[in-house]
């Protein structure tokens, strides 16, 4: 009888041992180090094979789209080609010592710009200066025979006629404030000021308000 009981005890221990060894540890089955370790339909994420969509707070699989610097709106080059240089507040400098101002076309100040035009060489700007769409124009006529047919437009206009025989035809009849100063050796012919009262000395124009004239109406 004791032998039978001992034999039964050995069998029970063996059954228990076999059963314990056959326990299926699910956590171990789903561990992974690469995608090949996972069954079809599962993904290797954070060391475990999981069903897509079942992971909470998973990090995005791809990086956020990068912005191409070429797609970002950059300030455009605001210096028009007729300007030798540009400054703040839409200032356009046209220097005839650096560019050809002796052509057959008029020198044109770009629309909305404040132009500083230096006609320093002989016969510079002799085909005209067009400031009709400019915000303002400051013109120096220092070259011999320089500056013919200046149209100041409606903006502030300042013309200095210092070159010999310079300044033939300056129209600032529509200018909100016009100053034309004439040296003794300049021509200063055919001038039209903002009003007759703005030409108090009969040679040149002034923006200084005088009796009977409104010579400065610029905003």
N, C-alpha and C. Protein backbone atom coordinates (compact mmCIF):
# COMPACT_ATOMS: atom_id res chain seq x y z
N UNK A 1 0.84 -1.21 0.00
CA UNK A 1 0.00 0.00 0.00
C UNK A 1 0.87 1.24 0.00
N UNK A 2 1.91 1.21 0.81
CA UNK A 2 2.81 2.36 0.86
C UNK A 2 3.49 2.56 -0.47
N UNK A 3 3.77 1.46 -1.15
CA UNK A 3 4.42 1.58 -2.47
C UNK A 3 3.49 2.25 -3.47
N UNK A 4 2.20 1.87 -3.40
CA UNK A 4 1.21 2.47 -4.31
C UNK A 4 1.07 3.94 -4.06
N UNK A 5 0.98 4.32 -2.79
CA UNK A 5 0.84 5.74 -2.45
C UNK A 5 2.06 6.53 -2.90
N UNK A 6 3.22 5.93 -2.73
CA UNK A 6 4.44 6.64 -3.16
C UNK A 6 4.45 6.83 -4.66
N UNK A 7 3.99 5.75 -5.36
CA UNK A 7 3.97 5.85 -6.84
C UNK A 7 3.00 6.92 -7.30
N UNK A 8 1.83 7.01 -6.64
CA UNK A 8 0.84 8.03 -6.98
C UNK A 8 1.38 9.44 -6.72
N UNK A 9 2.13 9.58 -5.65
CA UNK A 9 2.70 10.90 -5.33
C UNK A 9 3.68 11.33 -6.40
N UNK A 10 4.48 10.35 -6.89
CA UNK A 10 5.45 10.68 -7.94
C UNK A 10 4.75 11.10 -9.22
N UNK A 11 3.67 10.38 -9.54
CA UNK A 11 2.90 10.72 -10.76
C UNK A 11 2.31 12.11 -10.66
N UNK A 12 1.77 12.44 -9.49
CA UNK A 12 1.16 13.78 -9.30
C UNK A 12 2.19 14.88 -9.46
N UNK A 13 3.38 14.64 -8.86
CA UNK A 13 4.43 15.66 -8.98
C UNK A 13 4.83 15.85 -10.43
N UNK A 14 4.93 14.76 -11.17
CA UNK A 14 5.31 14.84 -12.59
C UNK A 14 4.26 15.59 -13.39
N UNK A 15 2.98 15.32 -13.10
CA UNK A 15 1.89 16.01 -13.83
C UNK A 15 1.92 17.50 -13.56
N UNK A 16 2.13 17.82 -12.26
CA UNK A 16 2.16 19.25 -11.90
C UNK A 16 3.32 19.95 -12.58
N UNK A 17 4.50 19.24 -12.62
CA UNK A 17 5.69 19.84 -13.23
C UNK A 17 5.49 20.06 -14.71
N UNK A 18 4.89 19.04 -15.37
CA UNK A 18 4.65 19.19 -16.81
C UNK A 18 3.66 20.31 -17.09
N UNK A 19 2.64 20.38 -16.25
CA UNK A 19 1.62 21.43 -16.44
C UNK A 19 2.20 22.80 -16.28
N UNK A 20 3.07 22.93 -15.25
CA UNK A 20 3.64 24.25 -15.03
C UNK A 20 4.55 24.65 -16.14
N UNK A 21 5.23 23.67 -16.76
CA UNK A 21 6.14 24.01 -17.86
C UNK A 21 5.40 24.34 -19.13
N UNK A 22 4.13 23.94 -19.20
CA UNK A 22 3.39 24.19 -20.43
C UNK A 22 2.58 25.47 -20.38
N UNK A 23 2.72 26.24 -19.32
CA UNK A 23 1.97 27.51 -19.22
C UNK A 23 2.44 28.45 -20.31
N UNK A 24 1.51 29.05 -21.05
CA UNK A 24 1.81 29.95 -22.18
C UNK A 24 1.90 31.38 -21.68
N UNK A 25 3.11 31.93 -21.62
CA UNK A 25 3.28 33.32 -21.15
C UNK A 25 3.07 34.26 -22.33
N UNK A 26 1.90 34.84 -22.37
CA UNK A 26 1.55 35.69 -23.51
C UNK A 26 2.49 36.88 -23.67
N UNK A 27 2.93 37.45 -22.52
CA UNK A 27 3.79 38.63 -22.61
C UNK A 27 5.08 38.31 -23.32
N UNK A 28 5.61 37.10 -23.10
CA UNK A 28 6.84 36.71 -23.77
C UNK A 28 6.63 36.48 -25.25
N UNK A 29 5.46 35.95 -25.61
CA UNK A 29 5.18 35.68 -27.01
C UNK A 29 5.13 36.95 -27.84
N UNK A 30 4.71 38.06 -27.23
CA UNK A 30 4.50 39.30 -27.99
C UNK A 30 5.68 40.26 -27.92
N UNK A 31 6.77 39.84 -27.29
CA UNK A 31 7.95 40.70 -27.27
C UNK A 31 8.61 40.69 -28.65
N UNK A 32 9.22 41.83 -29.01
CA UNK A 32 9.86 41.92 -30.31
C UNK A 32 11.00 42.92 -30.27
N UNK A 33 11.92 42.71 -31.19
CA UNK A 33 13.00 43.69 -31.39
C UNK A 33 12.99 44.26 -32.80
N UNK A 34 12.24 43.58 -33.68
CA UNK A 34 12.10 44.02 -35.06
C UNK A 34 10.75 43.58 -35.59
N UNK A 35 10.32 44.12 -36.71
CA UNK A 35 9.01 43.84 -37.26
C UNK A 35 8.85 42.37 -37.63
N UNK A 36 9.97 41.72 -38.01
CA UNK A 36 9.89 40.31 -38.42
C UNK A 36 9.49 39.40 -37.27
N UNK A 37 9.65 39.88 -36.03
CA UNK A 37 9.29 39.08 -34.86
C UNK A 37 7.79 39.01 -34.66
N UNK A 38 7.02 39.83 -35.34
CA UNK A 38 5.58 39.94 -35.12
C UNK A 38 4.81 39.17 -36.18
N UNK A 39 3.62 38.63 -35.79
CA UNK A 39 2.73 37.98 -36.73
C UNK A 39 2.13 39.01 -37.67
N UNK A 40 1.56 38.52 -38.74
CA UNK A 40 0.89 39.39 -39.69
C UNK A 40 -0.26 40.12 -39.01
N UNK A 41 -0.38 41.40 -39.25
CA UNK A 41 -1.44 42.18 -38.63
C UNK A 41 -1.01 42.90 -37.38
N UNK A 42 0.19 42.62 -36.90
CA UNK A 42 0.71 43.31 -35.73
C UNK A 42 1.97 44.09 -36.09
N UNK A 43 2.26 45.08 -35.30
CA UNK A 43 3.44 45.92 -35.52
C UNK A 43 4.31 45.91 -34.27
N UNK A 44 5.62 45.96 -34.49
CA UNK A 44 6.56 45.99 -33.38
C UNK A 44 6.71 47.43 -32.91
N UNK A 45 6.06 47.76 -31.78
CA UNK A 45 6.08 49.12 -31.24
C UNK A 45 6.46 49.05 -29.77
N UNK A 46 7.51 49.78 -29.42
CA UNK A 46 7.97 49.85 -28.02
C UNK A 46 8.29 48.48 -27.45
N UNK A 47 8.80 47.55 -28.31
CA UNK A 47 9.24 46.25 -27.83
C UNK A 47 8.18 45.17 -27.78
N UNK A 48 6.93 45.45 -28.24
CA UNK A 48 5.85 44.48 -28.22
C UNK A 48 5.12 44.48 -29.55
N UNK A 49 4.63 43.31 -29.95
CA UNK A 49 3.83 43.19 -31.16
C UNK A 49 2.38 43.55 -30.81
N UNK A 50 1.90 44.63 -31.37
CA UNK A 50 0.56 45.10 -31.02
C UNK A 50 -0.25 45.29 -32.29
N UNK A 51 -1.57 45.29 -32.10
CA UNK A 51 -2.48 45.56 -33.21
C UNK A 51 -2.51 47.07 -33.44
N UNK A 52 -2.34 47.53 -34.67
CA UNK A 52 -2.37 48.99 -34.93
C UNK A 52 -3.64 49.61 -34.41
N UNK A 53 -3.52 50.74 -33.76
CA UNK A 53 -4.68 51.43 -33.20
C UNK A 53 -4.92 51.08 -31.75
N UNK A 54 -4.24 50.07 -31.26
CA UNK A 54 -4.45 49.65 -29.88
C UNK A 54 -3.45 50.24 -28.92
N UNK A 55 -2.55 51.06 -29.39
CA UNK A 55 -1.53 51.65 -28.52
C UNK A 55 -1.97 53.05 -28.14
N UNK A 56 -1.96 53.32 -26.87
CA UNK A 56 -2.35 54.63 -26.37
C UNK A 56 -1.13 55.53 -26.28
N UNK A 57 -1.28 56.80 -26.69
CA UNK A 57 -0.21 57.79 -26.61
C UNK A 57 1.01 57.35 -27.41
N UNK A 58 0.79 56.74 -28.54
CA UNK A 58 1.93 56.35 -29.39
C UNK A 58 2.48 57.57 -30.07
N UNK A 59 3.79 57.60 -30.26
CA UNK A 59 4.41 58.74 -30.92
C UNK A 59 4.17 58.64 -32.42
N UNK A 60 4.07 59.77 -33.12
CA UNK A 60 3.86 59.73 -34.56
C UNK A 60 4.97 58.96 -35.24
N UNK A 61 4.60 58.23 -36.30
CA UNK A 61 5.57 57.42 -37.01
C UNK A 61 6.47 58.26 -37.91
N UNK A 62 6.00 59.45 -38.28
CA UNK A 62 6.77 60.31 -39.18
C UNK A 62 6.97 61.67 -38.54
N UNK A 63 8.02 62.35 -38.95
CA UNK A 63 8.27 63.70 -38.46
C UNK A 63 7.29 64.68 -39.07
N UNK A 64 7.11 65.81 -38.41
CA UNK A 64 6.25 66.86 -38.96
C UNK A 64 6.86 67.37 -40.25
N UNK A 65 6.00 67.78 -41.22
CA UNK A 65 6.53 68.27 -42.50
C UNK A 65 7.41 69.48 -42.29
N UNK A 66 8.51 69.50 -43.02
CA UNK A 66 9.44 70.62 -42.92
C UNK A 66 9.06 71.71 -43.90
N UNK A 67 9.28 72.95 -43.51
CA UNK A 67 8.96 74.09 -44.37
C UNK A 67 10.14 74.37 -45.28
N UNK A 68 9.87 74.38 -46.56
CA UNK A 68 10.91 74.72 -47.52
C UNK A 68 11.13 76.23 -47.46
N UNK A 69 12.37 76.63 -47.17
CA UNK A 69 12.66 78.06 -47.03
C UNK A 69 12.32 78.84 -48.29
N UNK A 70 12.34 78.15 -49.43
CA UNK A 70 12.03 78.85 -50.67
C UNK A 70 10.55 79.16 -50.79
N UNK A 71 9.71 78.49 -49.97
CA UNK A 71 8.28 78.73 -50.02
C UNK A 71 7.86 79.85 -49.08
N UNK A 72 8.75 80.30 -48.24
CA UNK A 72 8.43 81.39 -47.31
C UNK A 72 8.56 82.71 -48.05
N UNK A 73 7.53 83.52 -47.93
CA UNK A 73 7.56 84.80 -48.61
C UNK A 73 8.67 85.66 -48.05
N UNK A 74 9.61 86.04 -48.90
CA UNK A 74 10.73 86.90 -48.51
C UNK A 74 10.52 88.28 -49.10
N UNK A 75 11.04 89.26 -48.42
CA UNK A 75 10.91 90.60 -48.97
C UNK A 75 11.48 90.66 -50.38
N UNK A 76 10.74 91.25 -51.27
CA UNK A 76 11.21 91.37 -52.64
C UNK A 76 12.25 92.49 -52.74
N UNK A 77 13.10 92.37 -53.75
CA UNK A 77 14.07 93.42 -54.00
C UNK A 77 13.33 94.63 -54.49
N UNK A 78 13.25 95.68 -53.66
CA UNK A 78 12.41 96.83 -53.95
C UNK A 78 13.15 97.92 -54.70
N UNK A 79 14.39 97.69 -55.09
CA UNK A 79 15.15 98.73 -55.76
C UNK A 79 14.98 98.60 -57.27
N UNK A 80 14.25 99.50 -57.91
CA UNK A 80 14.02 99.41 -59.35
C UNK A 80 15.31 99.58 -60.14
N UNK A 81 15.34 99.09 -61.37
CA UNK A 81 16.59 99.07 -62.14
C UNK A 81 17.15 100.44 -62.47
N UNK A 82 16.31 101.46 -62.57
CA UNK A 82 16.84 102.78 -62.90
C UNK A 82 17.52 103.46 -61.72
N UNK A 83 17.40 102.89 -60.53
CA UNK A 83 18.04 103.46 -59.34
C UNK A 83 19.45 102.88 -59.19
N UNK A 84 20.41 103.75 -58.94
CA UNK A 84 21.77 103.25 -58.68
C UNK A 84 21.88 102.68 -57.27
N UNK A 85 21.02 103.11 -56.38
CA UNK A 85 20.93 102.53 -55.04
C UNK A 85 19.60 102.94 -54.45
N UNK A 86 19.22 102.23 -53.39
CA UNK A 86 17.96 102.53 -52.71
C UNK A 86 18.19 102.60 -51.21
N UNK A 87 17.36 103.36 -50.55
CA UNK A 87 17.45 103.51 -49.10
C UNK A 87 16.11 103.24 -48.46
N UNK A 88 16.01 103.45 -47.15
CA UNK A 88 14.75 103.22 -46.45
C UNK A 88 13.67 104.18 -46.91
N UNK A 89 12.43 103.83 -46.59
CA UNK A 89 11.27 104.66 -46.93
C UNK A 89 11.18 104.87 -48.43
N UNK A 90 11.50 103.82 -49.19
CA UNK A 90 11.38 103.84 -50.66
C UNK A 90 12.13 105.02 -51.27
N UNK A 91 13.39 105.14 -50.90
CA UNK A 91 14.25 106.17 -51.47
C UNK A 91 15.02 105.58 -52.65
N UNK A 92 14.96 106.27 -53.78
CA UNK A 92 15.67 105.84 -54.99
C UNK A 92 16.71 106.90 -55.33
N UNK A 93 17.97 106.48 -55.38
CA UNK A 93 19.06 107.39 -55.75
C UNK A 93 19.46 107.11 -57.20
N UNK A 94 19.45 108.17 -58.01
CA UNK A 94 19.89 108.06 -59.40
C UNK A 94 21.07 109.01 -59.56
N UNK A 95 22.26 108.42 -59.62
CA UNK A 95 23.50 109.20 -59.67
C UNK A 95 24.09 109.07 -61.07
N UNK A 96 24.09 110.18 -61.81
CA UNK A 96 24.55 110.14 -63.20
C UNK A 96 26.06 109.97 -63.33
N UNK A 97 26.79 110.06 -62.24
CA UNK A 97 28.21 109.75 -62.29
C UNK A 97 28.44 108.24 -62.26
N UNK A 98 27.39 107.48 -61.94
CA UNK A 98 27.50 106.03 -61.88
C UNK A 98 26.67 105.32 -62.95
N UNK A 99 25.78 106.03 -63.58
CA UNK A 99 24.94 105.44 -64.63
C UNK A 99 24.79 106.43 -65.76
N UNK A 100 24.41 105.94 -66.92
CA UNK A 100 24.29 106.80 -68.10
C UNK A 100 22.97 107.58 -68.07
N UNK A 101 23.08 108.87 -67.97
CA UNK A 101 21.90 109.73 -67.96
C UNK A 101 21.83 110.58 -69.23
N UNK A 102 22.55 110.16 -70.26
CA UNK A 102 22.62 110.95 -71.49
C UNK A 102 21.88 110.29 -72.65
N UNK A 103 21.01 109.36 -72.34
CA UNK A 103 20.27 108.68 -73.40
C UNK A 103 19.13 109.51 -73.93
N UNK A 104 18.37 108.90 -74.85
CA UNK A 104 17.25 109.59 -75.47
C UNK A 104 15.97 109.49 -74.66
N UNK A 105 15.97 108.67 -73.62
CA UNK A 105 14.76 108.50 -72.80
C UNK A 105 14.86 109.35 -71.53
N UNK A 106 13.70 109.74 -71.05
CA UNK A 106 13.65 110.55 -69.83
C UNK A 106 14.04 109.70 -68.62
N UNK A 107 14.60 110.37 -67.61
CA UNK A 107 14.87 109.73 -66.33
C UNK A 107 13.54 109.67 -65.57
N UNK A 108 13.12 108.47 -65.18
CA UNK A 108 11.81 108.30 -64.54
C UNK A 108 11.98 107.87 -63.10
N UNK A 109 11.41 108.65 -62.20
CA UNK A 109 11.39 108.24 -60.79
C UNK A 109 10.27 107.22 -60.61
N UNK A 110 10.54 106.06 -60.02
CA UNK A 110 9.51 105.03 -59.86
C UNK A 110 8.31 105.54 -59.07
N UNK A 111 7.16 105.05 -59.40
CA UNK A 111 5.92 105.48 -58.75
C UNK A 111 5.99 105.24 -57.25
N UNK A 112 5.62 106.27 -56.48
CA UNK A 112 5.58 106.15 -55.02
C UNK A 112 6.91 106.28 -54.33
N UNK A 113 7.99 106.52 -55.07
CA UNK A 113 9.32 106.61 -54.47
C UNK A 113 9.71 108.06 -54.19
N UNK A 114 10.63 108.23 -53.26
CA UNK A 114 11.29 109.51 -53.01
C UNK A 114 12.63 109.47 -53.73
N UNK A 115 12.75 110.26 -54.80
CA UNK A 115 13.93 110.17 -55.64
C UNK A 115 14.92 111.30 -55.36
N UNK A 116 16.19 110.93 -55.34
CA UNK A 116 17.28 111.90 -55.29
C UNK A 116 18.07 111.71 -56.58
N UNK A 117 17.95 112.68 -57.49
CA UNK A 117 18.53 112.56 -58.83
C UNK A 117 19.67 113.57 -58.96
N UNK A 118 20.86 113.06 -59.24
CA UNK A 118 22.04 113.90 -59.35
C UNK A 118 22.52 113.91 -60.80
N UNK A 119 22.26 115.00 -61.51
CA UNK A 119 22.64 115.14 -62.91
C UNK A 119 23.97 115.92 -62.95
N UNK A 120 25.05 115.22 -62.63
CA UNK A 120 26.32 115.89 -62.38
C UNK A 120 27.23 115.97 -63.61
N UNK A 121 26.94 115.20 -64.64
CA UNK A 121 27.80 115.21 -65.83
C UNK A 121 27.22 116.14 -66.90
N UNK A 122 28.06 116.50 -67.86
CA UNK A 122 27.61 117.42 -68.92
C UNK A 122 26.45 116.81 -69.70
N UNK A 123 25.43 117.63 -69.91
CA UNK A 123 24.23 117.25 -70.66
C UNK A 123 23.47 116.08 -70.03
N UNK A 124 23.71 115.83 -68.78
CA UNK A 124 22.97 114.77 -68.09
C UNK A 124 21.50 115.15 -67.95
N UNK A 125 20.64 114.18 -68.07
CA UNK A 125 19.19 114.38 -67.89
C UNK A 125 18.63 115.38 -68.90
N UNK A 126 19.23 115.44 -70.06
CA UNK A 126 18.79 116.41 -71.07
C UNK A 126 17.58 115.93 -71.84
N UNK A 127 17.21 114.67 -71.67
CA UNK A 127 16.02 114.14 -72.35
C UNK A 127 14.79 114.15 -71.46
N UNK A 128 14.91 114.79 -70.31
CA UNK A 128 13.76 114.94 -69.43
C UNK A 128 13.88 114.17 -68.13
N UNK A 129 13.16 114.64 -67.12
CA UNK A 129 13.05 113.97 -65.82
C UNK A 129 11.58 113.89 -65.48
N UNK A 130 11.10 112.68 -65.30
CA UNK A 130 9.67 112.44 -65.06
C UNK A 130 9.45 112.03 -63.61
N UNK A 131 8.88 112.95 -62.83
CA UNK A 131 8.53 112.67 -61.44
C UNK A 131 7.01 112.71 -61.25
N UNK A 132 6.29 112.46 -62.33
CA UNK A 132 4.84 112.62 -62.29
C UNK A 132 4.16 111.65 -61.32
N UNK A 133 4.73 110.46 -61.11
CA UNK A 133 4.14 109.49 -60.19
C UNK A 133 4.96 109.33 -58.91
N UNK A 134 5.95 110.18 -58.73
CA UNK A 134 6.82 110.07 -57.55
C UNK A 134 6.15 110.66 -56.32
N UNK A 135 6.60 110.19 -55.16
CA UNK A 135 6.16 110.81 -53.91
C UNK A 135 6.86 112.14 -53.72
N UNK A 136 8.14 112.18 -54.06
CA UNK A 136 8.90 113.43 -54.02
C UNK A 136 10.13 113.29 -54.90
N UNK A 137 10.68 114.43 -55.31
CA UNK A 137 11.91 114.43 -56.11
C UNK A 137 12.82 115.56 -55.63
N UNK A 138 14.08 115.22 -55.44
CA UNK A 138 15.12 116.21 -55.15
C UNK A 138 16.15 116.08 -56.27
N UNK A 139 16.29 117.13 -57.08
CA UNK A 139 17.08 117.06 -58.30
C UNK A 139 18.20 118.10 -58.24
N UNK A 140 19.41 117.65 -58.49
CA UNK A 140 20.56 118.55 -58.54
C UNK A 140 21.10 118.55 -59.97
N UNK A 141 21.07 119.71 -60.60
CA UNK A 141 21.49 119.84 -61.99
C UNK A 141 22.86 120.53 -62.00
N UNK A 142 23.92 119.74 -61.78
CA UNK A 142 25.25 120.32 -61.64
C UNK A 142 26.08 120.28 -62.90
N UNK A 143 25.72 119.43 -63.86
CA UNK A 143 26.48 119.34 -65.10
C UNK A 143 26.14 120.46 -66.07
N UNK A 144 27.11 120.79 -66.91
CA UNK A 144 26.87 121.82 -67.91
C UNK A 144 25.78 121.36 -68.88
N UNK A 145 24.80 122.24 -69.12
CA UNK A 145 23.70 121.91 -70.02
C UNK A 145 22.80 120.80 -69.53
N UNK A 146 22.82 120.53 -68.24
CA UNK A 146 22.02 119.42 -67.68
C UNK A 146 20.58 119.85 -67.43
N UNK A 147 19.71 118.87 -67.38
CA UNK A 147 18.30 119.01 -66.98
C UNK A 147 17.48 119.81 -68.00
N UNK A 148 16.71 119.06 -68.75
CA UNK A 148 15.74 119.66 -69.69
C UNK A 148 14.40 118.97 -69.44
N UNK A 149 13.37 119.76 -69.38
CA UNK A 149 12.02 119.20 -69.28
C UNK A 149 11.76 118.41 -68.02
N UNK A 150 11.80 119.08 -66.88
CA UNK A 150 11.53 118.43 -65.60
C UNK A 150 10.03 118.51 -65.29
N UNK A 151 9.41 117.37 -65.07
CA UNK A 151 8.00 117.30 -64.67
C UNK A 151 7.96 116.84 -63.22
N UNK A 152 7.63 117.79 -62.34
CA UNK A 152 7.67 117.48 -60.90
C UNK A 152 6.48 116.67 -60.42
N UNK A 153 5.38 116.65 -61.14
CA UNK A 153 4.20 115.95 -60.68
C UNK A 153 3.54 116.65 -59.51
N UNK A 154 2.83 115.88 -58.69
CA UNK A 154 2.07 116.48 -57.58
C UNK A 154 2.84 116.46 -56.26
N UNK A 155 3.95 115.76 -56.20
CA UNK A 155 4.68 115.63 -54.94
C UNK A 155 5.59 116.80 -54.64
N UNK A 156 6.29 116.68 -53.53
CA UNK A 156 7.27 117.68 -53.11
C UNK A 156 8.43 117.64 -54.11
N UNK A 157 8.85 118.83 -54.59
CA UNK A 157 9.88 118.87 -55.62
C UNK A 157 10.91 119.95 -55.28
N UNK A 158 12.18 119.56 -55.33
CA UNK A 158 13.26 120.49 -55.04
C UNK A 158 14.30 120.38 -56.16
N UNK A 159 14.53 121.49 -56.85
CA UNK A 159 15.45 121.49 -57.99
C UNK A 159 16.54 122.53 -57.75
N UNK A 160 17.79 122.10 -57.81
CA UNK A 160 18.92 123.00 -57.64
C UNK A 160 19.65 123.09 -58.99
N UNK A 161 19.65 124.27 -59.58
CA UNK A 161 20.26 124.49 -60.88
C UNK A 161 21.61 125.18 -60.67
N UNK A 162 22.67 124.40 -60.60
CA UNK A 162 23.99 124.95 -60.31
C UNK A 162 24.93 124.89 -61.51
N UNK A 163 24.66 124.01 -62.47
CA UNK A 163 25.54 123.87 -63.64
C UNK A 163 25.31 124.97 -64.66
N UNK A 164 26.33 125.25 -65.44
CA UNK A 164 26.22 126.27 -66.50
C UNK A 164 25.15 125.86 -67.51
N UNK A 165 24.26 126.81 -67.81
CA UNK A 165 23.17 126.59 -68.75
C UNK A 165 22.27 125.41 -68.38
N UNK A 166 22.17 125.14 -67.11
CA UNK A 166 21.31 124.04 -66.66
C UNK A 166 19.88 124.51 -66.47
N UNK A 167 18.96 123.58 -66.47
CA UNK A 167 17.54 123.81 -66.16
C UNK A 167 16.84 124.65 -67.24
N UNK A 168 16.40 123.96 -68.23
CA UNK A 168 15.53 124.58 -69.23
C UNK A 168 14.21 123.80 -69.22
N UNK A 169 13.23 124.43 -68.68
CA UNK A 169 11.91 123.82 -68.61
C UNK A 169 11.69 123.02 -67.34
N UNK A 170 11.16 123.68 -66.31
CA UNK A 170 10.83 123.01 -65.04
C UNK A 170 9.36 123.28 -64.76
N UNK A 171 8.57 122.22 -64.73
CA UNK A 171 7.13 122.36 -64.50
C UNK A 171 6.78 121.79 -63.14
N UNK A 172 6.49 122.65 -62.20
CA UNK A 172 6.00 122.21 -60.89
C UNK A 172 4.68 122.91 -60.57
N UNK A 173 3.90 123.12 -61.63
CA UNK A 173 2.60 123.76 -61.45
C UNK A 173 1.64 122.93 -60.63
N UNK A 174 1.79 121.60 -60.62
CA UNK A 174 0.91 120.72 -59.85
C UNK A 174 1.54 120.28 -58.54
N UNK A 175 2.77 120.71 -58.26
CA UNK A 175 3.49 120.26 -57.07
C UNK A 175 2.88 120.84 -55.80
N UNK A 176 2.82 120.02 -54.75
CA UNK A 176 2.28 120.52 -53.48
C UNK A 176 3.26 121.48 -52.80
N UNK A 177 4.54 121.37 -53.14
CA UNK A 177 5.55 122.29 -52.61
C UNK A 177 6.76 122.20 -53.53
N UNK A 178 7.12 123.33 -54.17
CA UNK A 178 8.20 123.30 -55.16
C UNK A 178 9.22 124.39 -54.85
N UNK A 179 10.49 123.97 -54.87
CA UNK A 179 11.58 124.92 -54.71
C UNK A 179 12.54 124.75 -55.88
N UNK A 180 12.76 125.83 -56.62
CA UNK A 180 13.73 125.82 -57.71
C UNK A 180 14.70 126.97 -57.46
N UNK A 181 15.96 126.60 -57.19
CA UNK A 181 16.98 127.63 -56.95
C UNK A 181 17.89 127.69 -58.16
N UNK A 182 18.20 128.91 -58.61
CA UNK A 182 18.94 129.11 -59.85
C UNK A 182 20.24 129.88 -59.58
N UNK A 183 21.35 129.25 -59.94
CA UNK A 183 22.63 129.94 -59.85
C UNK A 183 22.73 130.96 -61.00
N UNK A 184 23.68 131.89 -60.88
CA UNK A 184 23.80 132.94 -61.89
C UNK A 184 24.14 132.40 -63.27
N UNK A 185 24.91 131.33 -63.32
CA UNK A 185 25.34 130.80 -64.62
C UNK A 185 24.35 129.79 -65.19
N UNK A 186 23.26 129.49 -64.46
CA UNK A 186 22.28 128.53 -64.96
C UNK A 186 21.32 129.21 -65.93
N UNK A 187 20.65 128.40 -66.73
CA UNK A 187 19.69 128.97 -67.67
C UNK A 187 18.39 129.32 -66.94
N UNK A 188 17.84 128.35 -66.22
CA UNK A 188 16.59 128.55 -65.47
C UNK A 188 15.53 129.21 -66.33
N UNK A 189 15.23 128.59 -67.43
CA UNK A 189 14.23 129.13 -68.35
C UNK A 189 12.97 128.28 -68.31
N UNK A 190 11.87 128.93 -68.65
CA UNK A 190 10.58 128.25 -68.78
C UNK A 190 10.20 127.52 -67.48
N UNK A 191 10.14 128.29 -66.41
CA UNK A 191 9.77 127.74 -65.12
C UNK A 191 8.28 127.93 -64.87
N UNK A 192 7.63 126.93 -64.34
CA UNK A 192 6.24 127.03 -63.91
C UNK A 192 6.17 126.64 -62.45
N UNK A 193 5.90 127.59 -61.59
CA UNK A 193 5.84 127.33 -60.15
C UNK A 193 4.43 126.91 -59.75
N UNK A 194 4.26 126.57 -58.48
CA UNK A 194 2.95 126.12 -57.99
C UNK A 194 1.89 127.18 -58.24
N UNK A 195 2.26 128.41 -58.13
CA UNK A 195 1.39 129.54 -58.47
C UNK A 195 2.29 130.74 -58.73
N UNK A 196 1.79 131.76 -59.44
CA UNK A 196 2.64 132.94 -59.71
C UNK A 196 3.18 133.57 -58.43
N UNK A 197 2.42 133.47 -57.34
CA UNK A 197 2.87 134.07 -56.08
C UNK A 197 4.05 133.31 -55.48
N UNK A 198 4.30 132.09 -55.95
CA UNK A 198 5.40 131.29 -55.43
C UNK A 198 6.69 131.53 -56.21
N UNK A 199 6.71 132.58 -57.01
CA UNK A 199 7.92 133.01 -57.73
C UNK A 199 8.11 134.50 -57.44
N UNK A 200 8.44 134.80 -56.19
CA UNK A 200 8.45 136.21 -55.76
C UNK A 200 9.55 137.05 -56.40
N UNK A 201 10.63 136.40 -56.84
CA UNK A 201 11.74 137.20 -57.39
C UNK A 201 11.84 137.06 -58.90
N UNK A 202 10.94 136.28 -59.50
CA UNK A 202 10.94 136.16 -60.94
C UNK A 202 12.01 135.24 -61.48
N UNK A 203 12.70 134.53 -60.64
CA UNK A 203 13.72 133.57 -61.09
C UNK A 203 13.82 132.45 -60.06
N UNK A 204 13.08 131.38 -60.31
CA UNK A 204 13.04 130.28 -59.36
C UNK A 204 11.66 130.16 -58.73
N UNK A 205 11.49 129.16 -57.89
CA UNK A 205 10.22 128.92 -57.19
C UNK A 205 10.52 128.71 -55.72
N UNK A 206 9.50 128.95 -54.90
CA UNK A 206 9.65 128.74 -53.46
C UNK A 206 8.44 128.02 -52.90
N UNK A 207 8.67 127.21 -51.85
CA UNK A 207 7.57 126.55 -51.15
C UNK A 207 7.17 127.32 -49.90
N UNK A 208 7.85 128.44 -49.66
CA UNK A 208 7.52 129.26 -48.50
C UNK A 208 6.24 130.03 -48.82
N UNK A 209 5.24 129.86 -47.95
CA UNK A 209 3.98 130.53 -48.20
C UNK A 209 4.15 132.05 -48.13
N UNK A 210 3.74 132.71 -49.19
CA UNK A 210 3.83 134.16 -49.27
C UNK A 210 2.42 134.74 -49.38
N UNK A 211 2.32 136.03 -49.23
CA UNK A 211 1.02 136.71 -49.31
C UNK A 211 0.41 136.47 -50.69
N UNK A 212 -0.81 136.00 -50.71
CA UNK A 212 -1.51 135.79 -51.98
C UNK A 212 -1.21 134.46 -52.62
N UNK A 213 -0.48 133.59 -51.96
CA UNK A 213 -0.16 132.28 -52.59
C UNK A 213 -0.12 131.17 -51.56
N UNK A 214 -0.49 129.98 -52.00
CA UNK A 214 -0.39 128.79 -51.17
C UNK A 214 0.67 127.91 -51.78
N UNK A 215 1.87 127.99 -51.24
CA UNK A 215 3.02 127.34 -51.87
C UNK A 215 3.42 126.02 -51.24
N UNK A 216 2.82 125.67 -50.13
CA UNK A 216 3.13 124.38 -49.47
C UNK A 216 1.83 123.76 -48.99
N UNK A 217 1.34 122.78 -49.72
CA UNK A 217 0.12 122.07 -49.37
C UNK A 217 0.36 120.57 -49.21
N UNK A 218 1.63 120.19 -49.08
CA UNK A 218 1.95 118.76 -48.95
C UNK A 218 1.40 118.21 -47.63
N UNK A 219 0.89 116.99 -47.64
CA UNK A 219 0.36 116.42 -46.39
C UNK A 219 1.48 116.16 -45.39
